[in-house]
C-alpha atoms as a PDB file:
ATOM      1  CA  MET A   1      25.382  21.099  39.698  1.00  0.00           C
ATOM      2  CA  PHE A   2      26.670  19.374  36.533  1.00  0.00           C
ATOM      3  CA  HIS A   3      25.266  18.289  33.128  1.00  0.00           C
ATOM      4  CA  ARG A   4      27.680  15.457  32.155  1.00  0.00           C
ATOM      5  CA  VAL A   5      29.985  13.955  34.754  1.00  0.00           C
ATOM      6  CA  CYS A   6      32.757  11.543  33.661  1.00  0.00           C
ATOM      7  CA  ILE A   7      34.150   9.191  36.396  1.00  0.00           C
ATOM      8  CA  VAL A   8      37.400   7.521  35.247  1.00  0.00           C
ATOM      9  CA  GLY A   9      37.727   4.394  37.425  1.00  0.00           C
ATOM     10  CA  THR A  10      34.448   3.183  38.963  1.00  0.00           C
ATOM     11  CA  GLY A  11      35.915   1.100  41.811  1.00  0.00           C
ATOM     12  CA  LEU A  12      35.442   1.697  45.409  1.00  0.00           C
ATOM     13  CA  ILE A  13      36.149   5.505  45.297  1.00  0.00           C
ATOM     14  CA  GLY A  14      34.804   6.355  41.851  1.00  0.00           C
ATOM     15  CA  GLY A  15      31.770   4.076  42.391  1.00  0.00           C
ATOM     16  CA  SER A  16      31.015   5.668  45.740  1.00  0.00           C
ATOM     17  CA  PHE A  17      31.468   9.143  44.148  1.00  0.00           C
ATOM     18  CA  GLY A  18      28.823   8.258  41.486  1.00  0.00           C
ATOM     19  CA  LEU A  19      26.444   6.993  44.054  1.00  0.00           C
ATOM     20  CA  ALA A  20      26.929  10.112  46.230  1.00  0.00           C
ATOM     21  CA  LEU A  21      26.248  12.407  43.277  1.00  0.00           C
ATOM     22  CA  LYS A  22      23.143  10.467  42.467  1.00  0.00           C
ATOM     23  CA  LYS A  23      21.982  10.558  46.040  1.00  0.00           C
ATOM     24  CA  GLN A  24      22.285  14.366  46.165  1.00  0.00           C
ATOM     25  CA  GLY A  25      20.924  14.899  42.665  1.00  0.00           C
ATOM     26  CA  LEU A  26      24.040  16.818  41.569  1.00  0.00           C
ATOM     27  CA  ALA A  27      24.415  15.355  37.982  1.00  0.00           C
ATOM     28  CA  ARG A  28      22.114  15.087  35.115  1.00  0.00           C
ATOM     29  CA  GLU A  29      24.176  12.221  33.530  1.00  0.00           C
ATOM     30  CA  ILE A  30      27.072  10.190  34.898  1.00  0.00           C
ATOM     31  CA  VAL A  31      29.298   8.156  32.460  1.00  0.00           C
ATOM     32  CA  GLY A  32      31.681   5.684  34.103  1.00  0.00           C
ATOM     33  CA  VAL A  33      35.010   4.388  32.723  1.00  0.00           C
ATOM     34  CA  ALA A  34      36.682   1.143  33.535  1.00  0.00           C
ATOM     35  CA  ARG A  35      39.037  -1.276  31.909  1.00  0.00           C
ATOM     36  CA  ARG A  36      37.276  -4.511  32.867  1.00  0.00           C
ATOM     37  CA  GLU A  37      33.869  -5.469  31.406  1.00  0.00           C
ATOM     38  CA  SER A  38      32.881  -6.939  34.833  1.00  0.00           C
ATOM     39  CA  THR A  39      33.580  -3.516  36.513  1.00  0.00           C
ATOM     40  CA  LEU A  40      31.385  -1.714  33.931  1.00  0.00           C
ATOM     41  CA  ARG A  41      28.512  -4.140  34.527  1.00  0.00           C
ATOM     42  CA  GLU A  42      28.781  -3.822  38.263  1.00  0.00           C
ATOM     43  CA  SER A  43      28.916  -0.002  38.090  1.00  0.00           C
ATOM     44  CA  LEU A  44      25.679   0.087  36.103  1.00  0.00           C
ATOM     45  CA  ALA A  45      24.060  -2.613  38.352  1.00  0.00           C
ATOM     46  CA  ILE A  46      24.623  -0.569  41.533  1.00  0.00           C
ATOM     47  CA  GLY A  47      23.543   2.646  39.868  1.00  0.00           C
ATOM     48  CA  ALA A  48      26.911   4.477  40.138  1.00  0.00           C
ATOM     49  CA  CYS A  49      26.588   5.631  36.558  1.00  0.00           C
ATOM     50  CA  ASP A  50      23.950   6.003  33.745  1.00  0.00           C
ATOM     51  CA  ALA A  51      26.282   4.653  31.084  1.00  0.00           C
ATOM     52  CA  ALA A  52      29.573   2.849  31.205  1.00  0.00           C
ATOM     53  CA  THR A  53      32.408   2.392  28.697  1.00  0.00           C
ATOM     54  CA  SER A  54      36.060   1.396  28.461  1.00  0.00           C
ATOM     55  CA  ASP A  55      36.646   4.339  26.037  1.00  0.00           C
ATOM     56  CA  VAL A  56      37.817   7.221  28.212  1.00  0.00           C
ATOM     57  CA  VAL A  57      37.674   9.694  25.318  1.00  0.00           C
ATOM     58  CA  GLU A  58      34.085   8.832  24.480  1.00  0.00           C
ATOM     59  CA  ALA A  59      33.095   9.227  28.179  1.00  0.00           C
ATOM     60  CA  ALA A  60      34.799  12.520  28.596  1.00  0.00           C
ATOM     61  CA  THR A  61      33.620  14.138  25.370  1.00  0.00           C
ATOM     62  CA  GLY A  62      31.528  17.179  26.472  1.00  0.00           C
ATOM     63  CA  ALA A  63      31.873  16.443  30.198  1.00  0.00           C
ATOM     64  CA  ASP A  64      31.621  19.568  32.438  1.00  0.00           C
ATOM     65  CA  PHE A  65      33.056  17.587  35.398  1.00  0.00           C
ATOM     66  CA  VAL A  66      35.600  14.859  35.423  1.00  0.00           C
ATOM     67  CA  PHE A  67      36.454  12.843  38.486  1.00  0.00           C
ATOM     68  CA  LEU A  68      39.751  10.859  37.961  1.00  0.00           C
ATOM     69  CA  ALA A  69      40.173   7.675  40.024  1.00  0.00           C
ATOM     70  CA  PRO A  70      42.406   5.416  38.112  1.00  0.00           C
ATOM     71  CA  PRO A  71      45.713   4.154  39.563  1.00  0.00           C
ATOM     72  CA  VAL A  72      48.036   7.121  40.022  1.00  0.00           C
ATOM     73  CA  GLY A  73      50.464   5.766  37.439  1.00  0.00           C
ATOM     74  CA  GLN A  74      47.885   6.178  34.831  1.00  0.00           C
ATOM     75  CA  MET A  75      46.874   9.735  35.672  1.00  0.00           C
ATOM     76  CA  LYS A  76      49.065  11.728  33.243  1.00  0.00           C
ATOM     77  CA  ALA A  77      48.169   9.645  30.194  1.00  0.00           C
ATOM     78  CA  THR A  78      44.401   9.780  31.074  1.00  0.00           C
ATOM     79  CA  CYS A  79      44.599  13.533  31.306  1.00  0.00           C
ATOM     80  CA  GLN A  80      46.307  13.833  27.967  1.00  0.00           C
ATOM     81  CA  LEU A  81      43.602  11.791  26.342  1.00  0.00           C
ATOM     82  CA  ILE A  82      40.599  13.738  27.821  1.00  0.00           C
ATOM     83  CA  ALA A  83      41.932  17.348  27.740  1.00  0.00           C
ATOM     84  CA  PRO A  84      40.971  18.021  24.058  1.00  0.00           C
ATOM     85  CA  VAL A  85      37.484  16.692  24.411  1.00  0.00           C
ATOM     86  CA  VAL A  86      36.006  17.888  27.755  1.00  0.00           C
ATOM     87  CA  ALA A  87      33.729  20.864  27.730  1.00  0.00           C
ATOM     88  CA  ARG A  88      35.519  24.265  27.758  1.00  0.00           C
ATOM     89  CA  GLY A  89      35.849  25.453  31.344  1.00  0.00           C
ATOM     90  CA  ALA A  90      35.156  21.910  32.724  1.00  0.00           C
ATOM     91  CA  LEU A  91      36.114  21.146  36.378  1.00  0.00           C
ATOM     92  CA  VAL A  92      38.571  18.314  36.597  1.00  0.00           C
ATOM     93  CA  THR A  93      39.789  16.784  39.826  1.00  0.00           C
ATOM     94  CA  ASP A  94      41.479  13.509  40.945  1.00  0.00           C
ATOM     95  CA  ALA A  95      41.374  11.103  43.897  1.00  0.00           C
ATOM     96  CA  GLY A  96      45.028  10.140  43.784  1.00  0.00           C
ATOM     97  CA  SER A  97      46.753   9.134  47.097  1.00  0.00           C
ATOM     98  CA  THR A  98      49.836  11.176  45.962  1.00  0.00           C
ATOM     99  CA  LYS A  99      49.712  14.638  44.767  1.00  0.00           C
ATOM    100  CA  ALA A 100      53.023  16.355  43.950  1.00  0.00           C
ATOM    101  CA  GLN A 101      53.817  14.406  40.722  1.00  0.00           C
ATOM    102  CA  ILE A 102      50.078  14.315  39.652  1.00  0.00           C
ATOM    103  CA  VAL A 103      49.609  18.081  40.064  1.00  0.00           C
ATOM    104  CA  ARG A 104      52.915  18.878  38.455  1.00  0.00           C
ATOM    105  CA  GLU A 105      52.154  16.742  35.426  1.00  0.00           C
ATOM    106  CA  CYS A 106      48.343  17.162  35.014  1.00  0.00           C
ATOM    107  CA  GLU A 107      47.647  20.733  35.800  1.00  0.00           C
ATOM    108  CA  PRO A 108      49.447  22.124  32.664  1.00  0.00           C
ATOM    109  CA  ILE A 109      47.732  19.633  30.372  1.00  0.00           C
ATOM    110  CA  PHE A 110      44.345  21.386  30.956  1.00  0.00           C
ATOM    111  CA  ASP A 111      45.608  24.960  30.627  1.00  0.00           C
ATOM    112  CA  GLY A 112      43.357  27.056  28.541  1.00  0.00           C
ATOM    113  CA  ARG A 113      40.809  24.306  28.202  1.00  0.00           C
ATOM    114  CA  ALA A 114      39.588  23.138  31.638  1.00  0.00           C
ATOM    115  CA  ARG A 115      40.264  23.831  35.294  1.00  0.00           C
ATOM    116  CA  PHE A 116      42.247  21.182  37.249  1.00  0.00           C
ATOM    117  CA  VAL A 117      42.305  20.996  41.066  1.00  0.00           C
ATOM    118  CA  GLY A 118      44.262  18.138  42.808  1.00  0.00           C
ATOM    119  CA  GLY A 119      42.264  16.243  45.346  1.00  0.00           C
ATOM    120  CA  HIS A 120      42.425  13.304  47.688  1.00  0.00           C
ATOM    121  CA  PRO A 121      39.299  12.088  49.568  1.00  0.00           C
ATOM    122  CA  MET A 122      40.513  10.366  52.777  1.00  0.00           C
ATOM    123  CA  ALA A 123      38.021   7.557  52.508  1.00  0.00           C
ATOM    124  CA  GLY A 124      37.964   3.969  51.486  1.00  0.00           C
ATOM    125  CA  SER A 125      39.146   0.547  52.709  1.00  0.00           C
ATOM    126  CA  GLU A 126      41.076  -2.440  51.607  1.00  0.00           C
ATOM    127  CA  LYS A 127      37.951  -3.599  49.581  1.00  0.00           C
ATOM    128  CA  LYS A 128      38.038  -3.215  45.970  1.00  0.00           C
ATOM    129  CA  GLY A 129      35.575  -2.731  43.077  1.00  0.00           C
ATOM    130  CA  PRO A 130      32.076  -1.133  42.712  1.00  0.00           C
ATOM    131  CA  GLN A 131      30.505  -3.868  44.770  1.00  0.00           C
ATOM    132  CA  ALA A 132      32.218  -2.232  47.804  1.00  0.00           C
ATOM    133  CA  ALA A 133      30.992   1.276  46.816  1.00  0.00           C
ATOM    134  CA  ARG A 134      28.634   3.270  49.217  1.00  0.00           C
ATOM    135  CA  ALA A 135      26.832   6.473  48.779  1.00  0.00           C
ATOM    136  CA  ASP A 136      27.792   7.566  52.222  1.00  0.00           C
ATOM    137  CA  LEU A 137      31.496   6.695  51.949  1.00  0.00           C
ATOM    138  CA  PHE A 138      32.639  10.487  52.077  1.00  0.00           C
ATOM    139  CA  GLU A 139      30.352  11.475  54.931  1.00  0.00           C
ATOM    140  CA  GLY A 140      32.531  12.802  57.819  1.00  0.00           C
ATOM    141  CA  ALA A 141      35.648  12.301  55.749  1.00  0.00           C
ATOM    142  CA  THR A 142      38.532  14.693  55.286  1.00  0.00           C
ATOM    143  CA  TRP A 143      38.957  15.720  51.624  1.00  0.00           C
ATOM    144  CA  ILE A 144      42.267  17.173  50.883  1.00  0.00           C
ATOM    145  CA  LEU A 145      42.652  19.746  48.047  1.00  0.00           C
ATOM    146  CA  THR A 146      46.009  20.755  46.757  1.00  0.00           C
ATOM    147  CA  PRO A 147      45.650  24.214  44.959  1.00  0.00           C
ATOM    148  CA  THR A 148      48.602  25.867  43.352  1.00  0.00           C
ATOM    149  CA  PRO A 149      49.156  29.555  42.315  1.00  0.00           C
ATOM    150  CA  GLN A 150      47.712  28.529  38.913  1.00  0.00           C
ATOM    151  CA  THR A 151      44.445  27.058  40.321  1.00  0.00           C
ATOM    152  CA  ASP A 152      41.196  28.694  39.265  1.00  0.00           C
ATOM    153  CA  ALA A 153      39.597  30.285  42.360  1.00  0.00           C
ATOM    154  CA  ALA A 154      36.063  29.683  41.027  1.00  0.00           C
ATOM    155  CA  ALA A 155      36.834  26.081  40.336  1.00  0.00           C
ATOM    156  CA  LEU A 156      38.295  25.665  43.893  1.00  0.00           C
ATOM    157  CA  SER A 157      35.269  27.163  45.397  1.00  0.00           C
ATOM    158  CA  GLN A 158      32.914  24.982  43.226  1.00  0.00           C
ATOM    159  CA  LEU A 159      34.676  21.932  44.284  1.00  0.00           C
ATOM    160  CA  GLU A 160      34.671  22.930  47.953  1.00  0.00           C
ATOM    161  CA  THR A 161      30.877  23.339  47.694  1.00  0.00           C
ATOM    162  CA  LEU A 162      30.539  19.847  46.221  1.00  0.00           C
ATOM    163  CA  ILE A 163      32.742  18.235  48.909  1.00  0.00           C
ATOM    164  CA  GLU A 164      30.617  19.841  51.654  1.00  0.00           C
ATOM    165  CA  THR A 165      27.406  18.705  49.907  1.00  0.00           C
ATOM    166  CA  LEU A 166      28.731  15.174  50.114  1.00  0.00           C
ATOM    167  CA  GLY A 167      29.201  15.492  53.850  1.00  0.00           C
ATOM    168  CA  ALA A 168      33.047  15.738  53.734  1.00  0.00           C
ATOM    169  CA  LYS A 169      35.426  18.395  55.106  1.00  0.00           C
ATOM    170  CA  ALA A 170      37.782  20.143  52.604  1.00  0.00           C
ATOM    171  CA  ILE A 171      41.202  21.217  53.738  1.00  0.00           C
ATOM    172  CA  HIS A 172      44.066  22.650  51.725  1.00  0.00           C
ATOM    173  CA  LEU A 173      47.601  21.384  51.620  1.00  0.00           C
ATOM    174  CA  ALA A 174      50.508  22.101  49.246  1.00  0.00           C
ATOM    175  CA  PRO A 175      51.115  19.043  47.007  1.00  0.00           C
ATOM    176  CA  ASP A 176      54.567  18.316  48.472  1.00  0.00           C
ATOM    177  CA  ALA A 177      53.325  18.699  52.046  1.00  0.00           C
ATOM    178  CA  HIS A 178      50.446  16.294  51.285  1.00  0.00           C
ATOM    179  CA  ASP A 179      52.868  13.618  50.193  1.00  0.00           C
ATOM    180  CA  GLU A 180      55.197  14.047  53.131  1.00  0.00           C
ATOM    181  CA  LEU A 181      52.287  13.818  55.603  1.00  0.00           C
ATOM    182  CA  LEU A 182      50.435  10.943  53.834  1.00  0.00           C
ATOM    183  CA  ALA A 183      53.661   8.959  53.697  1.00  0.00           C
ATOM    184  CA  VAL A 184      53.389   8.754  57.549  1.00  0.00           C
ATOM    185  CA  THR A 185      49.642   8.333  58.039  1.00  0.00           C
ATOM    186  CA  SER A 186      48.710   6.235  55.015  1.00  0.00           C
ATOM    187  CA  HIS A 187      51.565   4.949  52.877  1.00  0.00           C
ATOM    188  CA  LEU A 188      53.913   3.696  55.730  1.00  0.00           C
ATOM    189  CA  PRO A 189      51.057   1.737  57.360  1.00  0.00           C
ATOM    190  CA  HIS A 190      50.381  -0.040  54.084  1.00  0.00           C
ATOM    191  CA  VAL A 191      53.965  -0.985  53.336  1.00  0.00           C
ATOM    192  CA  THR A 192      54.576  -2.084  57.023  1.00  0.00           C
ATOM    193  CA  ALA A 193      51.321  -4.099  56.818  1.00  0.00           C
ATOM    194  CA  ALA A 194      52.658  -5.810  53.765  1.00  0.00           C
ATOM    195  CA  ALA A 195      56.028  -6.371  55.427  1.00  0.00           C
ATOM    196  CA  LEU A 196      54.198  -8.059  58.321  1.00  0.00           C
ATOM    197  CA  VAL A 197      52.545 -10.497  55.888  1.00  0.00           C
ATOM    198  CA  HIS A 198      55.913 -11.224  54.239  1.00  0.00           C
ATOM    199  CA  SER A 199      57.336 -12.022  57.654  1.00  0.00           C
ATOM    200  CA  PHE A 200      54.424 -14.234  58.271  1.00  0.00           C
ATOM    201  CA  LEU A 201      55.072 -16.013  55.114  1.00  0.00           C
ATOM    202  CA  ARG A 202      58.685 -16.820  56.005  1.00  0.00           C
ATOM    203  CA  SER A 203      57.514 -18.167  59.327  1.00  0.00           C
ATOM    204  CA  LYS A 204      54.794 -20.154  57.545  1.00  0.00           C
ATOM    205  CA  SER A 205      57.294 -21.796  55.172  1.00  0.00           C
ATOM    206  CA  GLU A 206      59.221 -23.080  58.254  1.00  0.00           C
ATOM    207  CA  ASN A 207      56.125 -24.089  60.311  1.00  0.00           C
ATOM    208  CA  PRO A 208      52.636 -24.151  58.665  1.00  0.00           C
ATOM    209  CA  LEU A 209      51.139 -24.408  62.062  1.00  0.00           C
ATOM    210  CA  VAL A 210      51.449 -20.600  62.312  1.00  0.00           C
ATOM    211  CA  SER A 211      48.422 -20.239  60.004  1.00  0.00           C
ATOM    212  CA  GLN A 212      46.181 -21.749  62.952  1.00  0.00           C
ATOM    213  CA  LEU A 213      47.594 -19.137  65.375  1.00  0.00           C
ATOM    214  CA  VAL A 214      46.435 -16.007  63.489  1.00  0.00           C
ATOM    215  CA  ALA A 215      44.639 -13.716  65.925  1.00  0.00           C
ATOM    216  CA  GLY A 216      43.111 -10.232  66.019  1.00  0.00           C
ATOM    217  CA  GLY A 217      46.273  -8.399  66.347  1.00  0.00           C
ATOM    218  CA  TRP A 218      47.676  -9.860  63.172  1.00  0.00           C
ATOM    219  CA  ARG A 219      44.439  -9.344  61.317  1.00  0.00           C
ATOM    220  CA  ASP A 220      44.165  -5.718  62.436  1.00  0.00           C
ATOM    221  CA  GLY A 221      47.703  -4.846  61.690  1.00  0.00           C
ATOM    222  CA  THR A 222      47.685  -6.385  58.246  1.00  0.00           C
ATOM    223  CA  ARG A 223      44.093  -5.493  57.036  1.00  0.00           C
ATOM    224  CA  VAL A 224      45.211  -2.821  54.524  1.00  0.00           C
ATOM    225  CA  ALA A 225      47.713  -5.285  52.929  1.00  0.00           C
ATOM    226  CA  ALA A 226      44.748  -6.796  51.046  1.00  0.00           C
ATOM    227  CA  GLY A 227      44.426  -3.538  49.052  1.00  0.00           C
ATOM    228  CA  SER A 228      45.072  -3.358  45.321  1.00  0.00           C
ATOM    229  CA  PRO A 229      48.724  -4.369  44.486  1.00  0.00           C
ATOM    230  CA  GLU A 230      48.768  -2.179  41.347  1.00  0.00           C
ATOM    231  CA  MET A 231      47.459   0.857  43.165  1.00  0.00           C
ATOM    232  CA  TRP A 232      50.070   0.503  45.938  1.00  0.00           C
ATOM    233  CA  ARG A 233      52.868  -0.162  43.411  1.00  0.00           C
ATOM    234  CA  ASP A 234      52.046   3.108  41.779  1.00  0.00           C
ATOM    235  CA  ILE A 235      51.698   4.988  45.088  1.00  0.00           C
ATOM    236  CA  SER A 236      54.924   3.746  46.340  1.00  0.00           C
ATOM    237  CA  LEU A 237      56.747   4.728  43.189  1.00  0.00           C
ATOM    238  CA  ALA A 238      55.208   8.163  42.949  1.00  0.00           C
ATOM    239  CA  ASN A 239      55.929   9.064  46.590  1.00  0.00           C
ATOM    240  CA  ARG A 240      59.219   6.963  46.959  1.00  0.00           C
ATOM    241  CA  ASP A 241      61.237   9.787  48.516  1.00  0.00           C
ATOM    242  CA  ALA A 242      58.726  10.591  51.355  1.00  0.00           C
ATOM    243  CA  ILE A 243      57.971   6.816  51.856  1.00  0.00           C
ATOM    244  CA  GLY A 244      61.678   6.199  52.099  1.00  0.00           C
ATOM    245  CA  ALA A 245      62.166   8.931  54.699  1.00  0.00           C
ATOM    246  CA  ALA A 246      59.239   7.458  56.747  1.00  0.00           C
ATOM    247  CA  LEU A 247      60.662   3.978  56.533  1.00  0.00           C
ATOM    248  CA  GLY A 248      63.991   5.415  57.858  1.00  0.00           C
ATOM    249  CA  GLU A 249      62.118   6.712  60.861  1.00  0.00           C
ATOM    250  CA  MET A 250      60.312   3.392  61.346  1.00  0.00           C
ATOM    251  CA  ILE A 251      63.662   1.433  61.132  1.00  0.00           C
ATOM    252  CA  GLY A 252      65.052   3.853  63.715  1.00  0.00           C
ATOM    253  CA  GLU A 253      62.001   3.034  66.055  1.00  0.00           C
ATOM    254  CA  LEU A 254      62.509  -0.727  65.539  1.00  0.00           C
ATOM    255  CA  THR A 255      66.277  -0.510  66.062  1.00  0.00           C
ATOM    256  CA  HIS A 256      65.621   1.360  69.373  1.00  0.00           C
ATOM    257  CA  LEU A 257      63.177  -1.281  70.413  1.00  0.00           C
ATOM    258  CA  GLN A 258      65.684  -3.989  69.602  1.00  0.00           C
ATOM    259  CA  THR A 259      68.291  -2.334  71.668  1.00  0.00           C
ATOM    260  CA  THR A 260      65.945  -1.973  74.575  1.00  0.00           C
ATOM    261  CA  LEU A 261      65.001  -5.570  74.530  1.00  0.00           C
ATOM    262  CA  GLU A 262      68.655  -6.617  74.303  1.00  0.00           C
ATOM    263  CA  ARG A 263      69.338  -4.459  77.398  1.00  0.00           C
ATOM    264  CA  ARG A 264      66.266  -5.966  79.177  1.00  0.00           C
ATOM    265  CA  ASP A 265      65.388  -2.325  80.064  1.00  0.00           C
ATOM    266  CA  GLU A 266      61.974  -2.784  81.701  1.00  0.00           C
ATOM    267  CA  ALA A 267      61.368   0.877  82.464  1.00  0.00           C
ATOM    268  CA  ALA A 268      62.206   2.090  78.870  1.00  0.00           C
ATOM    269  CA  LEU A 269      60.149  -0.664  77.380  1.00  0.00           C
ATOM    270  CA  LEU A 270      57.242   0.180  79.430  1.00  0.00           C
ATOM    271  CA  ARG A 271      57.453   3.919  78.641  1.00  0.00           C
ATOM    272  CA  TRP A 272      57.808   3.109  74.954  1.00  0.00           C
ATOM    273  CA  PHE A 273      54.535   1.183  74.987  1.00  0.00           C
ATOM    274  CA  GLU A 274      52.800   3.765  77.236  1.00  0.00           C
ATOM    275  CA  ILE A 275      53.668   6.590  74.855  1.00  0.00           C
ATOM    276  CA  ALA A 276      52.285   4.532  71.875  1.00  0.00           C
ATOM    277  CA  ALA A 277      49.075   3.611  73.725  1.00  0.00           C
ATOM    278  CA  GLN A 278      48.405   7.179  74.942  1.00  0.00           C
ATOM    279  CA  GLU A 279      48.759   8.618  71.371  1.00  0.00           C
ATOM    280  CA  ARG A 280      46.713   5.928  69.728  1.00  0.00           C
ATOM    281  CA  GLN A 281      43.834   6.541  72.136  1.00  0.00           C
ATOM    282  CA  LYS A 282      43.559  10.123  70.927  1.00  0.00           C
ATOM    283  CA  HIS A 283      42.720   9.103  67.368  1.00  0.00           C
END
């Protein structure tokens, strides 16, 4: 499908994308980009790319497909660097966990040179780096695309075909709608998991014995807090309004729970847990 693919950020998502392209035979050449020498070595070792460099301009020169997977805070600057050197008419997409700011800033950068389509593969874990990459990471996953009125129809269709070939399901959302919904399903769970860890640390400072009492509930509820701090800092800032609104809803739920406990309202408390259990079992 592509002659020269440039993957910017060959960690879990970028590395898995390279492996998936290789598995399906969709790229003649894949060049990976990473800041750390260790990441470049690991990317080559696992076969996620054919060549690796820390020079994004070198990697993107002549590329007919670019997959952007750096931290979202670096997306605009990266696009400004590569836009003049990619092949004319190249397809460019990203894997950012926020979309409104990225699409607003990056789409115009490629105008007249390449075709940008915002994207977000709903795959991954708290694990980091190419050593966690898997060729089957996207199989069965939802892959969100965020086209705008300026999106090239042929580029969108080409990307949809690629996504389906990798075993994922493409759905369309407006960039703002994506950020509002992901604030609830992805970003809020992460920040609340981090808050749970901070609460644990406060308790630990008062009584270190708490470390010996960690059980499955705490581990399950805080798993995603082990994710990249840099990535989640950038996501939180890029989607701060929607995350703030979601936090307001969460605070309201916790306040309701606190009031219910203070009132010793057994029926209301049981119903609160029942509703949560029933909804969780659907997913």
